[in-house]
Amino acid sequence: MLECVINISEGRDRAAIDEIAAAAGPSLLDVHTDADHNRSVLTVVGEAAARAVAAAAVERLDLRSHQGAHPRIGVVDVVPFVALDGSSTGDAVAARDAFCTWAGSELGVPCFRYGAERTLPDVRRGAFANLAPDCGPEHPHPTAGAIAVGQRPVLVAYNVWLAEPDLARARAIATQLRSQEVRTLGLLVGDEVQVSMNLIDPLRTGPGRVVDAVAALARIDRCELVGLVPAAVLAREPEARWDELDLSADRTIEARIRS
């Protein structure tokens, strides 16, 4: 089974988000929306659902009118394929490459691959500058921009909101925490600031560990899980901390697949 965690550049128009999410049908596991980021994260299973969501987003959204705190290169900003139980890394790479070809030809949206050959930050820095699209047109789609389509292991997207709205402090903390296992940004989100993170190896560096690292440097207002978490990662956190860390048993990938 393949999971796909599609990031779309819309977090304010509820009707548009619901319409795009509905395209996934019963393969939709979760929708996480953030109005300040103006971004939604849709977790689906299977290649067909990923394509249906992408097609609906390209049809419905227009990057030219988009404003939000999070970096983006397109209305369908990131499409990573993740191998779950019963699938292999090779399956995820094949799904990535097939999606890339399909989106480039059928949607007319240029796509940049990431995975073993380059990272997502590499794509963000280099798209249309020192990186040419791997599939599709050479220039951005007029309303949809471009898509970063990748293969990656399971990761955890996680935000820690600081008690004081000090952007310089958030950026300094992000820089201090950044590593091979944790990708970080310090962001101004509305009137607040957050350290936004992707936990690349969450079994080694999970939510509790990064929250403790931030807490050693600044007072924390709250924590936020973006999307779902693997059950194995949840099991490594003491249940007494789940509320503090914004975790729960019904927000695991495995629980959503079962339900």
C-alpha atoms as a PDB file:
ATOM      1  CA  MET A   1       0.000   0.000   0.000  1.00  0.00           C
ATOM      2  CA  LEU A   2       1.209   3.483  -0.867  1.00  0.00           C
ATOM      3  CA  GLU A   3       0.421   6.608   1.132  1.00  0.00           C
ATOM      4  CA  CYS A   4       0.471  10.009  -0.557  1.00  0.00           C
ATOM      5  CA  VAL A   5       0.529  13.240   1.467  1.00  0.00           C
ATOM      6  CA  ILE A   6      -0.569  15.969  -0.940  1.00  0.00           C
ATOM      7  CA  ASN A   7       0.079  19.591   0.048  1.00  0.00           C
ATOM      8  CA  ILE A   8      -2.198  22.051  -1.749  1.00  0.00           C
ATOM      9  CA  SER A   9      -1.948  25.840  -1.661  1.00  0.00           C
ATOM     10  CA  GLU A  10      -5.384  26.561  -0.191  1.00  0.00           C
ATOM     11  CA  GLY A  11      -6.314  26.810   3.457  1.00  0.00           C
ATOM     12  CA  ARG A  12      -9.090  29.419   3.588  1.00  0.00           C
ATOM     13  CA  ASP A  13     -11.784  28.512   1.065  1.00  0.00           C
ATOM     14  CA  ARG A  14     -13.585  25.659   2.824  1.00  0.00           C
ATOM     15  CA  ALA A  15     -15.766  24.870  -0.169  1.00  0.00           C
ATOM     16  CA  ALA A  16     -12.734  24.526  -2.436  1.00  0.00           C
ATOM     17  CA  ILE A  17     -10.889  22.335   0.075  1.00  0.00           C
ATOM     18  CA  ASP A  18     -13.921  20.069   0.519  1.00  0.00           C
ATOM     19  CA  GLU A  19     -14.383  19.754  -3.251  1.00  0.00           C
ATOM     20  CA  ILE A  20     -10.731  18.818  -3.789  1.00  0.00           C
ATOM     21  CA  ALA A  21     -10.738  16.365  -0.865  1.00  0.00           C
ATOM     22  CA  ALA A  22     -13.916  14.712  -2.136  1.00  0.00           C
ATOM     23  CA  ALA A  23     -12.074  13.760  -5.330  1.00  0.00           C
ATOM     24  CA  ALA A  24     -10.148  11.145  -3.302  1.00  0.00           C
ATOM     25  CA  GLY A  25     -13.353   9.308  -2.365  1.00  0.00           C
ATOM     26  CA  PRO A  26     -12.944   6.572   0.258  1.00  0.00           C
ATOM     27  CA  SER A  27      -9.145   6.705  -0.141  1.00  0.00           C
ATOM     28  CA  LEU A  28      -9.008   9.948   1.865  1.00  0.00           C
ATOM     29  CA  LEU A  29      -7.480   9.405   5.331  1.00  0.00           C
ATOM     30  CA  ASP A  30      -7.090  12.940   6.661  1.00  0.00           C
ATOM     31  CA  VAL A  31      -7.314  16.660   5.848  1.00  0.00           C
ATOM     32  CA  HIS A  32      -5.310  19.204   7.846  1.00  0.00           C
ATOM     33  CA  THR A  33      -5.952  22.866   7.032  1.00  0.00           C
ATOM     34  CA  ASP A  34      -4.146  26.034   8.121  1.00  0.00           C
ATOM     35  CA  ALA A  35      -5.603  29.402   7.127  1.00  0.00           C
ATOM     36  CA  ASP A  36      -2.467  31.422   7.905  1.00  0.00           C
ATOM     37  CA  HIS A  37      -0.259  29.085   5.902  1.00  0.00           C
ATOM     38  CA  ASN A  38      -3.103  29.066   3.350  1.00  0.00           C
ATOM     39  CA  ARG A  39      -2.307  25.406   2.887  1.00  0.00           C
ATOM     40  CA  SER A  40      -3.976  22.033   3.342  1.00  0.00           C
ATOM     41  CA  VAL A  41      -2.413  18.601   3.707  1.00  0.00           C
ATOM     42  CA  LEU A  42      -4.490  15.741   2.306  1.00  0.00           C
ATOM     43  CA  THR A  43      -3.425  12.204   3.190  1.00  0.00           C
ATOM     44  CA  VAL A  44      -4.670   9.543   0.784  1.00  0.00           C
ATOM     45  CA  VAL A  45      -3.850   5.953  -0.128  1.00  0.00           C
ATOM     46  CA  GLY A  46      -3.180   4.848  -3.687  1.00  0.00           C
ATOM     47  CA  GLU A  47      -2.070   6.407  -6.948  1.00  0.00           C
ATOM     48  CA  ALA A  48      -5.560   6.944  -8.357  1.00  0.00           C
ATOM     49  CA  ALA A  49      -6.616   9.095  -5.403  1.00  0.00           C
ATOM     50  CA  ALA A  50      -3.436  11.192  -5.658  1.00  0.00           C
ATOM     51  CA  ARG A  51      -4.118  11.908  -9.317  1.00  0.00           C
ATOM     52  CA  ALA A  52      -7.773  12.735  -8.703  1.00  0.00           C
ATOM     53  CA  VAL A  53      -6.877  15.213  -5.950  1.00  0.00           C
ATOM     54  CA  ALA A  54      -4.173  16.828  -8.078  1.00  0.00           C
ATOM     55  CA  ALA A  55      -6.488  17.213 -11.064  1.00  0.00           C
ATOM     56  CA  ALA A  56      -9.205  18.764  -8.900  1.00  0.00           C
ATOM     57  CA  ALA A  57      -6.748  21.217  -7.322  1.00  0.00           C
ATOM     58  CA  VAL A  58      -5.310  22.322 -10.661  1.00  0.00           C
ATOM     59  CA  GLU A  59      -8.822  22.905 -11.974  1.00  0.00           C
ATOM     60  CA  ARG A  60     -10.070  24.750  -8.861  1.00  0.00           C
ATOM     61  CA  LEU A  61      -7.114  26.818  -7.604  1.00  0.00           C
ATOM     62  CA  ASP A  62      -5.120  29.765  -8.956  1.00  0.00           C
ATOM     63  CA  LEU A  63      -1.614  30.428  -7.642  1.00  0.00           C
ATOM     64  CA  ARG A  64      -1.716  34.040  -8.846  1.00  0.00           C
ATOM     65  CA  SER A  65      -4.088  34.999  -6.046  1.00  0.00           C
ATOM     66  CA  HIS A  66      -2.385  32.939  -3.351  1.00  0.00           C
ATOM     67  CA  GLN A  67      -0.840  34.481  -0.240  1.00  0.00           C
ATOM     68  CA  GLY A  68       0.377  32.493   2.746  1.00  0.00           C
ATOM     69  CA  ALA A  69       3.178  31.978   5.231  1.00  0.00           C
ATOM     70  CA  HIS A  70       4.465  28.685   3.822  1.00  0.00           C
ATOM     71  CA  PRO A  71       6.843  28.466   0.820  1.00  0.00           C
ATOM     72  CA  ARG A  72       5.222  26.981  -2.314  1.00  0.00           C
ATOM     73  CA  ILE A  73       5.911  26.448  -6.011  1.00  0.00           C
ATOM     74  CA  GLY A  74       2.403  25.468  -7.104  1.00  0.00           C
ATOM     75  CA  VAL A  75      -1.239  24.934  -6.201  1.00  0.00           C
ATOM     76  CA  VAL A  76      -0.355  21.242  -5.893  1.00  0.00           C
ATOM     77  CA  ASP A  77       2.862  22.032  -4.104  1.00  0.00           C
ATOM     78  CA  VAL A  78       4.172  18.677  -2.890  1.00  0.00           C
ATOM     79  CA  VAL A  79       3.140  15.113  -3.798  1.00  0.00           C
ATOM     80  CA  PRO A  80       5.264  12.564  -1.905  1.00  0.00           C
ATOM     81  CA  PHE A  81       4.657   8.812  -2.231  1.00  0.00           C
ATOM     82  CA  VAL A  82       5.433   6.720   0.857  1.00  0.00           C
ATOM     83  CA  ALA A  83       5.701   2.925   1.013  1.00  0.00           C
ATOM     84  CA  LEU A  84       3.618   1.412   3.814  1.00  0.00           C
ATOM     85  CA  ASP A  85       3.404  -2.269   4.819  1.00  0.00           C
ATOM     86  CA  GLY A  86       3.210  -4.479   1.755  1.00  0.00           C
ATOM     87  CA  SER A  87       4.961  -1.978  -0.524  1.00  0.00           C
ATOM     88  CA  SER A  88       8.600  -1.221  -1.226  1.00  0.00           C
ATOM     89  CA  THR A  89      10.687   1.857  -1.882  1.00  0.00           C
ATOM     90  CA  GLY A  90      10.787   0.748  -5.504  1.00  0.00           C
ATOM     91  CA  ASP A  91       6.981   0.824  -5.631  1.00  0.00           C
ATOM     92  CA  ALA A  92       6.985   4.378  -4.298  1.00  0.00           C
ATOM     93  CA  VAL A  93       9.630   5.481  -6.825  1.00  0.00           C
ATOM     94  CA  ALA A  94       7.620   3.926  -9.658  1.00  0.00           C
ATOM     95  CA  ALA A  95       4.470   5.728  -8.464  1.00  0.00           C
ATOM     96  CA  ARG A  96       6.386   9.011  -8.249  1.00  0.00           C
ATOM     97  CA  ASP A  97       7.751   8.680 -11.761  1.00  0.00           C
ATOM     98  CA  ALA A  98       4.370   7.674 -13.210  1.00  0.00           C
ATOM     99  CA  PHE A  99       2.682  10.637 -11.501  1.00  0.00           C
ATOM    100  CA  CYS A 100       5.385  12.959 -12.815  1.00  0.00           C
ATOM    101  CA  THR A 101       4.821  11.806 -16.402  1.00  0.00           C
ATOM    102  CA  TRP A 102       1.030  11.931 -16.026  1.00  0.00           C
ATOM    103  CA  ALA A 103       0.881  15.426 -14.474  1.00  0.00           C
ATOM    104  CA  GLY A 104       3.310  16.821 -17.017  1.00  0.00           C
ATOM    105  CA  SER A 105       1.353  15.493 -19.995  1.00  0.00           C
ATOM    106  CA  GLU A 106      -2.269  15.376 -18.803  1.00  0.00           C
ATOM    107  CA  LEU A 107      -2.351  18.462 -16.576  1.00  0.00           C
ATOM    108  CA  GLY A 108       0.332  20.425 -18.401  1.00  0.00           C
ATOM    109  CA  VAL A 109       2.056  21.201 -15.086  1.00  0.00           C
ATOM    110  CA  PRO A 110       5.862  20.962 -14.870  1.00  0.00           C
ATOM    111  CA  CYS A 111       7.088  18.518 -12.237  1.00  0.00           C
ATOM    112  CA  PHE A 112      10.343  18.263 -10.310  1.00  0.00           C
ATOM    113  CA  ARG A 113      11.250  14.881  -8.832  1.00  0.00           C
ATOM    114  CA  TYR A 114      12.842  14.529  -5.412  1.00  0.00           C
ATOM    115  CA  GLY A 115      14.006  11.555  -3.400  1.00  0.00           C
ATOM    116  CA  ALA A 116      17.367   9.822  -3.598  1.00  0.00           C
ATOM    117  CA  GLU A 117      18.629  12.186  -6.298  1.00  0.00           C
ATOM    118  CA  ARG A 118      17.773  15.475  -4.536  1.00  0.00           C
ATOM    119  CA  THR A 119      15.843  16.765  -1.551  1.00  0.00           C
ATOM    120  CA  LEU A 120      12.660  18.805  -1.434  1.00  0.00           C
ATOM    121  CA  PRO A 121      14.618  21.881  -0.224  1.00  0.00           C
ATOM    122  CA  ASP A 122      16.871  21.417  -3.274  1.00  0.00           C
ATOM    123  CA  VAL A 123      13.786  21.637  -5.498  1.00  0.00           C
ATOM    124  CA  ARG A 124      12.462  24.715  -3.692  1.00  0.00           C
ATOM    125  CA  ARG A 125      15.787  26.503  -4.084  1.00  0.00           C
ATOM    126  CA  GLY A 126      16.487  25.476  -7.659  1.00  0.00           C
ATOM    127  CA  ALA A 127      13.177  25.170  -9.512  1.00  0.00           C
ATOM    128  CA  PHE A 128      13.345  27.045 -12.847  1.00  0.00           C
ATOM    129  CA  ALA A 129      16.712  28.529 -11.807  1.00  0.00           C
ATOM    130  CA  ASN A 130      19.402  25.860 -11.881  1.00  0.00           C
ATOM    131  CA  LEU A 131      16.879  22.980 -12.086  1.00  0.00           C
ATOM    132  CA  ALA A 132      14.792  22.240 -15.175  1.00  0.00           C
ATOM    133  CA  PRO A 133      11.535  20.282 -14.790  1.00  0.00           C
ATOM    134  CA  ASP A 134      11.824  16.508 -15.074  1.00  0.00           C
ATOM    135  CA  CYS A 135       8.417  16.267 -16.759  1.00  0.00           C
ATOM    136  CA  GLY A 136       6.026  18.627 -18.489  1.00  0.00           C
ATOM    137  CA  PRO A 137       6.550  22.132 -19.859  1.00  0.00           C
ATOM    138  CA  GLU A 138       9.755  24.075 -19.317  1.00  0.00           C
ATOM    139  CA  HIS A 139       7.927  27.020 -17.741  1.00  0.00           C
ATOM    140  CA  PRO A 140       5.429  27.285 -14.857  1.00  0.00           C
ATOM    141  CA  HIS A 141       1.773  26.613 -15.560  1.00  0.00           C
ATOM    142  CA  PRO A 142       0.029  30.033 -15.638  1.00  0.00           C
ATOM    143  CA  THR A 143      -2.350  29.240 -12.757  1.00  0.00           C
ATOM    144  CA  ALA A 144      -0.965  26.023 -11.234  1.00  0.00           C
ATOM    145  CA  GLY A 145       2.782  26.754 -11.087  1.00  0.00           C
ATOM    146  CA  ALA A 146       4.714  23.510 -10.657  1.00  0.00           C
ATOM    147  CA  ILE A 147       4.664  20.319  -8.590  1.00  0.00           C
ATOM    148  CA  ALA A 148       7.394  18.758  -6.454  1.00  0.00           C
ATOM    149  CA  VAL A 149       6.666  15.026  -6.689  1.00  0.00           C
ATOM    150  CA  GLY A 150       8.722  12.725  -4.542  1.00  0.00           C
ATOM    151  CA  GLN A 151       9.429   9.449  -2.861  1.00  0.00           C
ATOM    152  CA  ARG A 152      10.308   9.484   0.811  1.00  0.00           C
ATOM    153  CA  PRO A 153      10.111   7.405   3.977  1.00  0.00           C
ATOM    154  CA  VAL A 154       7.395   8.082   6.506  1.00  0.00           C
ATOM    155  CA  LEU A 155       7.977  11.422   8.236  1.00  0.00           C
ATOM    156  CA  VAL A 156       6.079  13.550  10.731  1.00  0.00           C
ATOM    157  CA  ALA A 157       5.152  17.168   9.992  1.00  0.00           C
ATOM    158  CA  TYR A 158       5.074  19.097  13.234  1.00  0.00           C
ATOM    159  CA  ASN A 159       4.748  22.696  14.453  1.00  0.00           C
ATOM    160  CA  VAL A 160       5.749  24.197  17.780  1.00  0.00           C
ATOM    161  CA  TRP A 161       4.175  27.595  18.528  1.00  0.00           C
ATOM    162  CA  LEU A 162       6.184  29.954  20.733  1.00  0.00           C
ATOM    163  CA  ALA A 163       4.591  31.859  23.607  1.00  0.00           C
ATOM    164  CA  GLU A 164       6.257  35.118  22.535  1.00  0.00           C
ATOM    165  CA  PRO A 165       5.779  36.338  18.920  1.00  0.00           C
ATOM    166  CA  ASP A 166       9.494  36.789  18.287  1.00  0.00           C
ATOM    167  CA  LEU A 167      10.269  35.807  14.694  1.00  0.00           C
ATOM    168  CA  ALA A 168      14.025  36.262  15.111  1.00  0.00           C
ATOM    169  CA  ARG A 169      13.953  33.838  18.050  1.00  0.00           C
ATOM    170  CA  ALA A 170      11.889  31.308  16.072  1.00  0.00           C
ATOM    171  CA  ARG A 171      14.335  31.473  13.168  1.00  0.00           C
ATOM    172  CA  ALA A 172      17.321  31.121  15.492  1.00  0.00           C
ATOM    173  CA  ILE A 173      15.753  28.070  17.133  1.00  0.00           C
ATOM    174  CA  ALA A 174      14.988  26.590  13.712  1.00  0.00           C
ATOM    175  CA  THR A 175      18.611  27.032  12.695  1.00  0.00           C
ATOM    176  CA  GLN A 176      19.870  25.462  15.941  1.00  0.00           C
ATOM    177  CA  LEU A 177      17.575  22.421  15.623  1.00  0.00           C
ATOM    178  CA  ARG A 178      18.130  21.811  11.886  1.00  0.00           C
ATOM    179  CA  SER A 179      19.877  18.521  11.126  1.00  0.00           C
ATOM    180  CA  GLN A 180      19.795  15.482   8.861  1.00  0.00           C
ATOM    181  CA  GLU A 181      16.868  14.217  10.945  1.00  0.00           C
ATOM    182  CA  VAL A 182      14.936  17.478  11.367  1.00  0.00           C
ATOM    183  CA  ARG A 183      14.138  20.080   8.702  1.00  0.00           C
ATOM    184  CA  THR A 184      13.036  23.387  10.175  1.00  0.00           C
ATOM    185  CA  LEU A 185      11.692  26.851   9.397  1.00  0.00           C
ATOM    186  CA  GLY A 186      10.911  29.769  11.694  1.00  0.00           C
ATOM    187  CA  LEU A 187       7.690  31.340  10.421  1.00  0.00           C
ATOM    188  CA  LEU A 188       5.465  34.306  11.191  1.00  0.00           C
ATOM    189  CA  VAL A 189       1.904  32.963  11.124  1.00  0.00           C
ATOM    190  CA  GLY A 190      -0.665  35.691  11.638  1.00  0.00           C
ATOM    191  CA  ASP A 191       0.296  37.433  14.872  1.00  0.00           C
ATOM    192  CA  GLU A 192       2.191  34.377  16.190  1.00  0.00           C
ATOM    193  CA  VAL A 193       5.406  32.562  15.371  1.00  0.00           C
ATOM    194  CA  GLN A 194       6.146  28.875  15.043  1.00  0.00           C
ATOM    195  CA  VAL A 195       9.022  26.524  14.467  1.00  0.00           C
ATOM    196  CA  SER A 196       7.740  24.401  11.601  1.00  0.00           C
ATOM    197  CA  MET A 197       9.422  21.011  11.271  1.00  0.00           C
ATOM    198  CA  ASN A 198       9.580  17.853   9.220  1.00  0.00           C
ATOM    199  CA  LEU A 199      10.836  14.999  11.390  1.00  0.00           C
ATOM    200  CA  ILE A 200      12.689  12.953   8.778  1.00  0.00           C
ATOM    201  CA  ASP A 201      13.544  10.060  11.108  1.00  0.00           C
ATOM    202  CA  PRO A 202      10.732  10.225  13.695  1.00  0.00           C
ATOM    203  CA  LEU A 203      11.648   6.918  15.324  1.00  0.00           C
ATOM    204  CA  ARG A 204      14.968   8.470  16.366  1.00  0.00           C
ATOM    205  CA  THR A 205      13.874  12.088  16.747  1.00  0.00           C
ATOM    206  CA  GLY A 206      10.184  12.236  17.532  1.00  0.00           C
ATOM    207  CA  PRO A 207       7.779  14.951  18.704  1.00  0.00           C
ATOM    208  CA  GLY A 208       8.744  14.724  22.375  1.00  0.00           C
ATOM    209  CA  ARG A 209      12.422  15.175  21.673  1.00  0.00           C
ATOM    210  CA  VAL A 210      12.013  18.248  19.446  1.00  0.00           C
ATOM    211  CA  VAL A 211       9.506  19.828  21.833  1.00  0.00           C
ATOM    212  CA  ASP A 212      11.984  19.421  24.693  1.00  0.00           C
ATOM    213  CA  ALA A 213      14.715  20.959  22.531  1.00  0.00           C
ATOM    214  CA  VAL A 214      12.557  23.997  21.728  1.00  0.00           C
ATOM    215  CA  ALA A 215      11.441  24.315  25.367  1.00  0.00           C
ATOM    216  CA  ALA A 216      15.077  24.583  26.431  1.00  0.00           C
ATOM    217  CA  LEU A 217      15.366  27.719  24.285  1.00  0.00           C
ATOM    218  CA  ALA A 218      11.973  29.449  24.561  1.00  0.00           C
ATOM    219  CA  ARG A 219       8.562  29.189  26.215  1.00  0.00           C
ATOM    220  CA  ILE A 220       6.089  27.116  24.184  1.00  0.00           C
ATOM    221  CA  ASP A 221       2.441  28.028  23.700  1.00  0.00           C
ATOM    222  CA  ARG A 222       1.268  24.824  22.018  1.00  0.00           C
ATOM    223  CA  CYS A 223       2.216  21.964  19.711  1.00  0.00           C
ATOM    224  CA  GLU A 224       0.558  20.866  16.479  1.00  0.00           C
ATOM    225  CA  LEU A 225       0.699  17.590  14.578  1.00  0.00           C
ATOM    226  CA  VAL A 226       0.126  18.164  10.856  1.00  0.00           C
ATOM    227  CA  GLY A 227      -1.676  15.193   9.332  1.00  0.00           C
ATOM    228  CA  LEU A 228      -1.064  11.722  10.748  1.00  0.00           C
ATOM    229  CA  VAL A 229       1.669   9.923  12.682  1.00  0.00           C
ATOM    230  CA  PRO A 230       2.849   6.298  12.406  1.00  0.00           C
ATOM    231  CA  ALA A 231       1.679   4.106  15.282  1.00  0.00           C
ATOM    232  CA  ALA A 232       5.298   3.174  16.055  1.00  0.00           C
ATOM    233  CA  VAL A 233       6.166   6.841  16.602  1.00  0.00           C
ATOM    234  CA  LEU A 234       3.174   7.344  18.883  1.00  0.00           C
ATOM    235  CA  ALA A 235       4.153   4.274  20.902  1.00  0.00           C
ATOM    236  CA  ARG A 236       7.541   5.821  21.697  1.00  0.00           C
ATOM    237  CA  GLU A 237       5.933   8.825  23.408  1.00  0.00           C
ATOM    238  CA  PRO A 238       4.611   8.427  26.976  1.00  0.00           C
ATOM    239  CA  GLU A 239       0.821   8.459  26.888  1.00  0.00           C
ATOM    240  CA  ALA A 240       0.836  11.070  29.669  1.00  0.00           C
ATOM    241  CA  ARG A 241       2.370  13.518  27.123  1.00  0.00           C
ATOM    242  CA  TRP A 242       0.002  12.856  24.223  1.00  0.00           C
ATOM    243  CA  ASP A 243      -2.265  15.840  24.922  1.00  0.00           C
ATOM    244  CA  GLU A 244       0.713  18.158  25.331  1.00  0.00           C
ATOM    245  CA  LEU A 245       2.218  16.905  22.064  1.00  0.00           C
ATOM    246  CA  ASP A 246      -1.109  16.986  20.152  1.00  0.00           C
ATOM    247  CA  LEU A 247      -1.044  13.210  19.628  1.00  0.00           C
ATOM    248  CA  SER A 248      -3.764  10.585  19.948  1.00  0.00           C
ATOM    249  CA  ALA A 249      -4.399   6.969  19.018  1.00  0.00           C
ATOM    250  CA  ASP A 250      -7.011   7.892  16.389  1.00  0.00           C
ATOM    251  CA  ARG A 251      -4.543  10.096  14.494  1.00  0.00           C
ATOM    252  CA  THR A 252      -2.209   7.314  13.404  1.00  0.00           C
ATOM    253  CA  ILE A 253      -1.925   6.193   9.802  1.00  0.00           C
ATOM    254  CA  GLU A 254      -2.830   2.665  10.825  1.00  0.00           C
ATOM    255  CA  ALA A 255      -5.985   3.716  12.696  1.00  0.00           C
ATOM    256  CA  ARG A 256      -7.277   5.726   9.734  1.00  0.00           C
ATOM    257  CA  ILE A 257      -6.639   2.866   7.321  1.00  0.00           C
ATOM    258  CA  ARG A 258      -8.526   0.460   9.616  1.00  0.00           C
ATOM    259  CA  SER A 259     -11.477   2.837   9.876  1.00  0.00           C
END
